[in-house]
Amino acid sequence: MPLSHHPLITEFPEHKEAIHCLKMGDAHFQALMEKYEELDKHVFRIEDGSEPSEDSYVENLKKERLALKDDILQMLKAK
């Protein structure tokens, strides 16, 4: 399976406008989005071999990314 990033705009294309609005006007959403993007990039670097790491560490990062994604989706649905 090819490696890929999981940007929010790709994960939630139906919420493109809400993502933009919240990113511009909600500091909490912006912080969550930045943390999500940071985790996504970190996971990608580990999976492509740029950063060596233990499997359990990667799995924890993925769980944290998923939790952030769930929080972000809840904010998008409330918009």
N, C-alpha and C. Protein backbone atom coordinates (compact mmCIF):
# COMPACT_ATOMS: atom_id res chain seq x y z
N MET A 1 0.85 -1.18 0.00
CA MET A 1 0.00 0.00 0.00
C MET A 1 0.90 1.24 0.00
N PRO A 2 0.65 2.18 -0.93
CA PRO A 2 1.49 3.38 -0.97
C PRO A 2 1.26 4.27 0.25
N LEU A 3 2.33 4.93 0.66
CA LEU A 3 2.23 5.85 1.78
C LEU A 3 1.59 7.15 1.31
N SER A 4 0.82 7.75 2.21
CA SER A 4 0.23 9.04 1.87
C SER A 4 -0.04 9.83 3.13
N HIS A 5 -0.09 11.14 2.93
CA HIS A 5 -0.50 12.02 4.02
C HIS A 5 -2.02 11.98 4.10
N HIS A 6 -2.55 12.45 5.21
CA HIS A 6 -4.00 12.47 5.41
C HIS A 6 -4.45 13.89 5.76
N PRO A 7 -4.30 14.84 4.82
CA PRO A 7 -4.72 16.21 5.13
C PRO A 7 -6.23 16.27 5.38
N LEU A 8 -6.61 17.17 6.25
CA LEU A 8 -8.03 17.28 6.61
C LEU A 8 -8.92 17.58 5.41
N ILE A 9 -8.43 18.36 4.48
CA ILE A 9 -9.24 18.71 3.32
C ILE A 9 -9.54 17.48 2.47
N THR A 10 -8.63 16.51 2.49
CA THR A 10 -8.85 15.25 1.78
C THR A 10 -9.72 14.31 2.60
N GLU A 11 -9.53 14.32 3.89
CA GLU A 11 -10.31 13.47 4.78
C GLU A 11 -11.77 13.91 4.85
N PHE A 12 -12.00 15.22 4.81
CA PHE A 12 -13.35 15.77 4.94
C PHE A 12 -13.65 16.75 3.80
N PRO A 13 -13.67 16.30 2.55
CA PRO A 13 -13.88 17.23 1.43
C PRO A 13 -15.23 17.95 1.51
N GLU A 14 -16.21 17.31 2.11
CA GLU A 14 -17.53 17.93 2.22
C GLU A 14 -17.56 19.08 3.22
N HIS A 15 -16.50 19.23 3.99
CA HIS A 15 -16.41 20.29 5.00
C HIS A 15 -15.34 21.33 4.65
N LYS A 16 -14.99 21.40 3.37
CA LYS A 16 -13.91 22.28 2.93
C LYS A 16 -14.14 23.72 3.38
N GLU A 17 -15.34 24.23 3.19
CA GLU A 17 -15.63 25.61 3.56
C GLU A 17 -15.58 25.81 5.07
N ALA A 18 -16.13 24.86 5.81
CA ALA A 18 -16.12 24.95 7.28
C ALA A 18 -14.69 24.88 7.81
N ILE A 19 -13.86 24.05 7.21
CA ILE A 19 -12.46 23.96 7.63
C ILE A 19 -11.80 25.32 7.47
N HIS A 20 -12.02 25.94 6.32
CA HIS A 20 -11.41 27.25 6.08
C HIS A 20 -11.91 28.29 7.08
N CYS A 21 -13.22 28.34 7.29
CA CYS A 21 -13.80 29.32 8.22
C CYS A 21 -13.29 29.13 9.64
N LEU A 22 -13.30 27.89 10.10
CA LEU A 22 -12.84 27.62 11.46
C LEU A 22 -11.35 27.88 11.61
N LYS A 23 -10.58 27.53 10.59
CA LYS A 23 -9.14 27.76 10.65
C LYS A 23 -8.83 29.26 10.76
N MET A 24 -9.64 30.08 10.10
CA MET A 24 -9.41 31.52 10.12
C MET A 24 -9.97 32.20 11.37
N GLY A 25 -11.02 31.62 11.97
CA GLY A 25 -11.68 32.34 13.05
C GLY A 25 -11.75 31.67 14.40
N ASP A 26 -11.19 30.48 14.55
CA ASP A 26 -11.29 29.75 15.81
C ASP A 26 -9.90 29.26 16.21
N ALA A 27 -9.32 29.89 17.21
CA ALA A 27 -7.95 29.56 17.63
C ALA A 27 -7.83 28.11 18.11
N HIS A 28 -8.86 27.61 18.79
CA HIS A 28 -8.82 26.22 19.27
C HIS A 28 -8.81 25.26 18.08
N PHE A 29 -9.68 25.51 17.10
CA PHE A 29 -9.70 24.66 15.90
C PHE A 29 -8.35 24.72 15.19
N GLN A 30 -7.81 25.91 15.08
CA GLN A 30 -6.52 26.08 14.40
C GLN A 30 -5.43 25.29 15.12
N ALA A 31 -5.43 25.31 16.45
CA ALA A 31 -4.45 24.56 17.23
C ALA A 31 -4.61 23.05 17.02
N LEU A 32 -5.87 22.58 17.01
CA LEU A 32 -6.12 21.16 16.76
C LEU A 32 -5.65 20.76 15.37
N MET A 33 -5.94 21.61 14.40
CA MET A 33 -5.56 21.33 13.02
C MET A 33 -4.03 21.28 12.88
N GLU A 34 -3.35 22.22 13.50
CA GLU A 34 -1.89 22.23 13.44
C GLU A 34 -1.30 20.99 14.10
N LYS A 35 -1.85 20.58 15.22
CA LYS A 35 -1.38 19.38 15.91
C LYS A 35 -1.63 18.14 15.04
N TYR A 36 -2.82 18.08 14.42
CA TYR A 36 -3.15 16.97 13.53
C TYR A 36 -2.15 16.89 12.38
N GLU A 37 -1.89 18.03 11.74
CA GLU A 37 -0.97 18.05 10.60
C GLU A 37 0.44 17.67 11.02
N GLU A 38 0.85 18.11 12.20
CA GLU A 38 2.17 17.76 12.73
C GLU A 38 2.27 16.25 12.95
N LEU A 39 1.25 15.67 13.56
CA LEU A 39 1.23 14.22 13.79
C LEU A 39 1.22 13.46 12.46
N ASP A 40 0.43 13.92 11.51
CA ASP A 40 0.33 13.26 10.21
C ASP A 40 1.69 13.24 9.53
N LYS A 41 2.39 14.36 9.55
CA LYS A 41 3.72 14.42 8.94
C LYS A 41 4.72 13.52 9.67
N HIS A 42 4.62 13.49 10.99
CA HIS A 42 5.51 12.65 11.79
C HIS A 42 5.28 11.17 11.46
N VAL A 43 4.03 10.74 11.42
CA VAL A 43 3.71 9.35 11.07
C VAL A 43 4.23 9.03 9.68
N PHE A 44 4.04 9.93 8.74
CA PHE A 44 4.50 9.70 7.37
C PHE A 44 6.02 9.51 7.33
N ARG A 45 6.76 10.37 8.03
CA ARG A 45 8.22 10.26 8.04
C ARG A 45 8.67 8.92 8.63
N ILE A 46 7.98 8.46 9.66
CA ILE A 46 8.33 7.17 10.26
C ILE A 46 8.01 6.05 9.27
N GLU A 47 6.84 6.11 8.65
CA GLU A 47 6.44 5.03 7.75
C GLU A 47 7.28 4.97 6.48
N ASP A 48 7.80 6.12 6.02
CA ASP A 48 8.64 6.08 4.82
C ASP A 48 10.10 5.79 5.13
N GLY A 49 10.42 5.59 6.42
CA GLY A 49 11.76 5.21 6.82
C GLY A 49 12.69 6.38 7.13
N SER A 50 12.20 7.61 7.03
CA SER A 50 13.03 8.78 7.32
C SER A 50 13.37 8.89 8.80
N GLU A 51 12.47 8.41 9.65
CA GLU A 51 12.68 8.43 11.10
C GLU A 51 12.43 7.03 11.64
N PRO A 52 13.46 6.39 12.15
CA PRO A 52 13.24 5.06 12.75
C PRO A 52 12.45 5.17 14.05
N SER A 53 11.63 4.18 14.30
CA SER A 53 10.82 4.20 15.51
C SER A 53 10.26 2.81 15.80
N GLU A 54 9.85 2.63 17.03
CA GLU A 54 9.19 1.39 17.45
C GLU A 54 7.76 1.35 16.93
N ASP A 55 7.28 0.14 16.61
CA ASP A 55 5.91 0.00 16.12
C ASP A 55 4.88 0.52 17.10
N SER A 56 5.10 0.28 18.38
CA SER A 56 4.13 0.71 19.39
C SER A 56 4.04 2.23 19.44
N TYR A 57 5.17 2.91 19.23
CA TYR A 57 5.18 4.37 19.22
C TYR A 57 4.36 4.90 18.04
N VAL A 58 4.55 4.30 16.87
CA VAL A 58 3.80 4.71 15.68
C VAL A 58 2.31 4.48 15.90
N GLU A 59 1.96 3.36 16.47
CA GLU A 59 0.55 3.06 16.72
C GLU A 59 -0.06 4.09 17.67
N ASN A 60 0.70 4.49 18.68
CA ASN A 60 0.19 5.53 19.60
C ASN A 60 0.01 6.86 18.89
N LEU A 61 0.95 7.20 18.01
CA LEU A 61 0.81 8.44 17.22
C LEU A 61 -0.44 8.38 16.35
N LYS A 62 -0.68 7.24 15.74
CA LYS A 62 -1.86 7.08 14.88
C LYS A 62 -3.15 7.20 15.70
N LYS A 63 -3.15 6.65 16.89
CA LYS A 63 -4.33 6.77 17.76
C LYS A 63 -4.57 8.22 18.16
N GLU A 64 -3.48 8.93 18.46
CA GLU A 64 -3.60 10.34 18.81
C GLU A 64 -4.12 11.15 17.62
N ARG A 65 -3.61 10.83 16.42
CA ARG A 65 -4.07 11.50 15.20
C ARG A 65 -5.56 11.24 14.97
N LEU A 66 -5.98 10.01 15.19
CA LEU A 66 -7.38 9.66 15.01
C LEU A 66 -8.27 10.38 16.02
N ALA A 67 -7.82 10.48 17.26
CA ALA A 67 -8.59 11.20 18.27
C ALA A 67 -8.74 12.68 17.90
N LEU A 68 -7.66 13.27 17.41
CA LEU A 68 -7.73 14.67 16.96
C LEU A 68 -8.70 14.80 15.79
N LYS A 69 -8.63 13.85 14.88
CA LYS A 69 -9.52 13.86 13.72
C LYS A 69 -10.98 13.79 14.16
N ASP A 70 -11.26 12.96 15.16
CA ASP A 70 -12.62 12.87 15.69
C ASP A 70 -13.07 14.19 16.31
N ASP A 71 -12.18 14.82 17.08
CA ASP A 71 -12.49 16.12 17.70
C ASP A 71 -12.75 17.17 16.62
N ILE A 72 -11.93 17.17 15.60
CA ILE A 72 -12.08 18.13 14.52
C ILE A 72 -13.40 17.90 13.79
N LEU A 73 -13.73 16.65 13.52
CA LEU A 73 -14.99 16.35 12.84
C LEU A 73 -16.18 16.82 13.65
N GLN A 74 -16.14 16.66 14.96
CA GLN A 74 -17.24 17.13 15.81
C GLN A 74 -17.40 18.65 15.69
N MET A 75 -16.28 19.36 15.65
CA MET A 75 -16.34 20.82 15.49
C MET A 75 -16.88 21.18 14.11
N LEU A 76 -16.51 20.43 13.09
CA LEU A 76 -17.00 20.70 11.74
C LEU A 76 -18.51 20.46 11.64
N LYS A 77 -18.97 19.41 12.26
CA LYS A 77 -20.40 19.10 12.22
C LYS A 77 -21.22 20.14 12.99
N ALA A 78 -20.63 20.74 14.01
CA ALA A 78 -21.32 21.75 14.80
C ALA A 78 -21.36 23.11 14.10
N LYS A 79 -20.53 23.26 13.10
CA LYS A 79 -20.43 24.54 12.37
C LYS A 79 -21.68 24.82 11.59
